[in-house]
Amino acid sequence: MGWVLFLIGLIGVAFGMWGMYTDAGRVRFDEMDGLYPMFSALAGGILIIISIIVIYYRSR
């Protein structure tokens, strides 16, 4: 379970970075000032933190 959350979090962070910091991503998401990629990166980071906690406690 923890590894699935970790991978989903990485995908979210990667999508957020693509949407905010590449030319193609900025053109694609310029209508809302990049809110989708920003939220995706934030949610991905939170999922990564939660997954690290889950993996740590499940390994004990």
N, C-alpha and C. Protein backbone atom coordinates (compact mmCIF):
# COMPACT_ATOMS: atom_id res chain seq x y z
N MET A 1 0.82 -1.20 0.00
CA MET A 1 0.00 0.00 0.00
C MET A 1 0.86 1.26 0.00
N GLY A 2 1.90 1.25 0.83
CA GLY A 2 2.77 2.41 0.91
C GLY A 2 3.51 2.70 -0.39
N TRP A 3 3.91 1.63 -1.08
CA TRP A 3 4.64 1.81 -2.33
C TRP A 3 3.73 2.35 -3.43
N VAL A 4 2.47 1.96 -3.40
CA VAL A 4 1.51 2.48 -4.38
C VAL A 4 1.31 3.98 -4.16
N LEU A 5 1.15 4.39 -2.91
CA LEU A 5 1.01 5.82 -2.61
C LEU A 5 2.26 6.58 -3.03
N PHE A 6 3.43 5.97 -2.79
CA PHE A 6 4.69 6.62 -3.16
C PHE A 6 4.76 6.83 -4.68
N LEU A 7 4.41 5.81 -5.45
CA LEU A 7 4.47 5.94 -6.91
C LEU A 7 3.45 6.94 -7.43
N ILE A 8 2.24 6.95 -6.87
CA ILE A 8 1.24 7.93 -7.28
C ILE A 8 1.71 9.34 -6.93
N GLY A 9 2.34 9.48 -5.77
CA GLY A 9 2.89 10.78 -5.38
C GLY A 9 3.98 11.25 -6.32
N LEU A 10 4.86 10.33 -6.73
CA LEU A 10 5.92 10.70 -7.68
C LEU A 10 5.33 11.12 -9.02
N ILE A 11 4.30 10.43 -9.46
CA ILE A 11 3.66 10.80 -10.72
C ILE A 11 3.04 12.19 -10.60
N GLY A 12 2.39 12.46 -9.47
CA GLY A 12 1.80 13.78 -9.25
C GLY A 12 2.83 14.88 -9.23
N VAL A 13 3.94 14.64 -8.55
CA VAL A 13 5.01 15.66 -8.50
C VAL A 13 5.62 15.86 -9.89
N ALA A 14 5.84 14.77 -10.61
CA ALA A 14 6.41 14.89 -11.96
C ALA A 14 5.47 15.67 -12.88
N PHE A 15 4.17 15.39 -12.81
CA PHE A 15 3.20 16.13 -13.61
C PHE A 15 3.19 17.61 -13.23
N GLY A 16 3.25 17.88 -11.94
CA GLY A 16 3.26 19.27 -11.49
C GLY A 16 4.49 20.02 -11.96
N MET A 17 5.64 19.38 -11.89
CA MET A 17 6.87 20.03 -12.35
C MET A 17 6.83 20.26 -13.85
N TRP A 18 6.29 19.28 -14.59
CA TRP A 18 6.17 19.46 -16.04
C TRP A 18 5.23 20.63 -16.35
N GLY A 19 4.11 20.70 -15.65
CA GLY A 19 3.13 21.73 -15.93
C GLY A 19 3.58 23.13 -15.55
N MET A 20 4.45 23.23 -14.55
CA MET A 20 4.88 24.56 -14.09
C MET A 20 6.19 25.03 -14.71
N TYR A 21 7.08 24.11 -15.03
CA TYR A 21 8.44 24.52 -15.39
C TYR A 21 8.88 24.20 -16.80
N THR A 22 8.00 23.67 -17.64
CA THR A 22 8.39 23.46 -19.03
C THR A 22 7.52 24.36 -19.93
N ASP A 23 8.04 24.67 -21.10
CA ASP A 23 7.29 25.52 -22.03
C ASP A 23 5.99 24.85 -22.46
N ALA A 24 6.05 23.56 -22.76
CA ALA A 24 4.84 22.85 -23.18
C ALA A 24 3.80 22.82 -22.07
N GLY A 25 4.23 22.63 -20.85
CA GLY A 25 3.30 22.60 -19.73
C GLY A 25 2.68 23.95 -19.45
N ARG A 26 3.48 25.00 -19.54
CA ARG A 26 2.93 26.35 -19.32
C ARG A 26 1.93 26.74 -20.39
N VAL A 27 2.18 26.34 -21.63
CA VAL A 27 1.23 26.64 -22.70
C VAL A 27 -0.06 25.85 -22.49
N ARG A 28 0.08 24.61 -22.09
CA ARG A 28 -1.10 23.74 -21.91
C ARG A 28 -2.00 24.21 -20.77
N PHE A 29 -1.42 24.69 -19.67
CA PHE A 29 -2.19 25.03 -18.48
C PHE A 29 -2.16 26.53 -18.19
N ASP A 30 -2.09 27.36 -19.20
CA ASP A 30 -1.98 28.80 -18.93
C ASP A 30 -3.34 29.44 -18.62
N GLU A 31 -4.44 28.78 -18.96
CA GLU A 31 -5.75 29.40 -18.75
C GLU A 31 -6.11 29.59 -17.28
N MET A 32 -5.54 28.81 -16.39
CA MET A 32 -5.85 28.96 -14.96
C MET A 32 -4.57 29.24 -14.17
N ASP A 33 -3.57 29.81 -14.80
CA ASP A 33 -2.30 30.12 -14.16
C ASP A 33 -1.63 28.90 -13.54
N GLY A 34 -1.84 27.74 -14.13
CA GLY A 34 -1.16 26.54 -13.66
C GLY A 34 -1.69 25.98 -12.36
N LEU A 35 -2.97 26.16 -12.07
CA LEU A 35 -3.50 25.65 -10.81
C LEU A 35 -3.53 24.13 -10.76
N TYR A 36 -3.84 23.47 -11.86
CA TYR A 36 -3.86 22.00 -11.87
C TYR A 36 -2.48 21.42 -11.58
N PRO A 37 -1.44 21.85 -12.28
CA PRO A 37 -0.12 21.31 -11.96
C PRO A 37 0.34 21.66 -10.54
N MET A 38 0.00 22.86 -10.06
CA MET A 38 0.41 23.25 -8.72
C MET A 38 -0.26 22.35 -7.68
N PHE A 39 -1.57 22.11 -7.84
CA PHE A 39 -2.28 21.24 -6.92
C PHE A 39 -1.76 19.81 -7.02
N SER A 40 -1.46 19.36 -8.22
CA SER A 40 -0.95 18.01 -8.42
C SER A 40 0.39 17.82 -7.71
N ALA A 41 1.28 18.79 -7.82
CA ALA A 41 2.58 18.70 -7.15
C ALA A 41 2.40 18.72 -5.63
N LEU A 42 1.52 19.55 -5.13
CA LEU A 42 1.26 19.61 -3.69
C LEU A 42 0.67 18.30 -3.18
N ALA A 43 -0.34 17.79 -3.87
CA ALA A 43 -0.96 16.53 -3.47
C ALA A 43 0.03 15.37 -3.57
N GLY A 44 0.86 15.39 -4.60
CA GLY A 44 1.88 14.35 -4.74
C GLY A 44 2.89 14.38 -3.61
N GLY A 45 3.30 15.57 -3.21
CA GLY A 45 4.22 15.69 -2.08
C GLY A 45 3.62 15.19 -0.79
N ILE A 46 2.34 15.49 -0.57
CA ILE A 46 1.66 15.00 0.63
C ILE A 46 1.55 13.48 0.60
N LEU A 47 1.23 12.93 -0.57
CA LEU A 47 1.16 11.47 -0.69
C LEU A 47 2.50 10.81 -0.44
N ILE A 48 3.58 11.43 -0.89
CA ILE A 48 4.92 10.87 -0.64
C ILE A 48 5.22 10.85 0.85
N ILE A 49 4.89 11.91 1.55
CA ILE A 49 5.12 11.97 2.99
C ILE A 49 4.29 10.91 3.71
N ILE A 50 3.02 10.78 3.34
CA ILE A 50 2.15 9.78 3.95
C ILE A 50 2.68 8.37 3.66
N SER A 51 3.14 8.14 2.44
CA SER A 51 3.63 6.81 2.09
C SER A 51 4.90 6.46 2.87
N ILE A 52 5.76 7.42 3.10
CA ILE A 52 6.96 7.15 3.89
C ILE A 52 6.58 6.75 5.31
N ILE A 53 5.59 7.44 5.87
CA ILE A 53 5.13 7.10 7.22
C ILE A 53 4.52 5.70 7.24
N VAL A 54 3.68 5.38 6.23
CA VAL A 54 3.06 4.07 6.15
C VAL A 54 4.11 2.98 5.99
N ILE A 55 5.06 3.17 5.11
CA ILE A 55 6.11 2.17 4.89
C ILE A 55 6.92 1.96 6.15
N TYR A 56 7.22 3.04 6.86
CA TYR A 56 8.01 2.93 8.10
C TYR A 56 7.26 2.11 9.16
N TYR A 57 5.99 2.42 9.38
CA TYR A 57 5.25 1.73 10.42
C TYR A 57 4.89 0.31 10.05
N ARG A 58 4.74 0.02 8.77
CA ARG A 58 4.44 -1.37 8.35
C ARG A 58 5.67 -2.25 8.43
N SER A 59 6.86 -1.67 8.39
CA SER A 59 8.09 -2.47 8.43
C SER A 59 8.52 -2.79 9.84
N ARG A 60 7.85 -2.24 10.83
CA ARG A 60 8.23 -2.49 12.23
C ARG A 60 7.67 -3.77 12.73
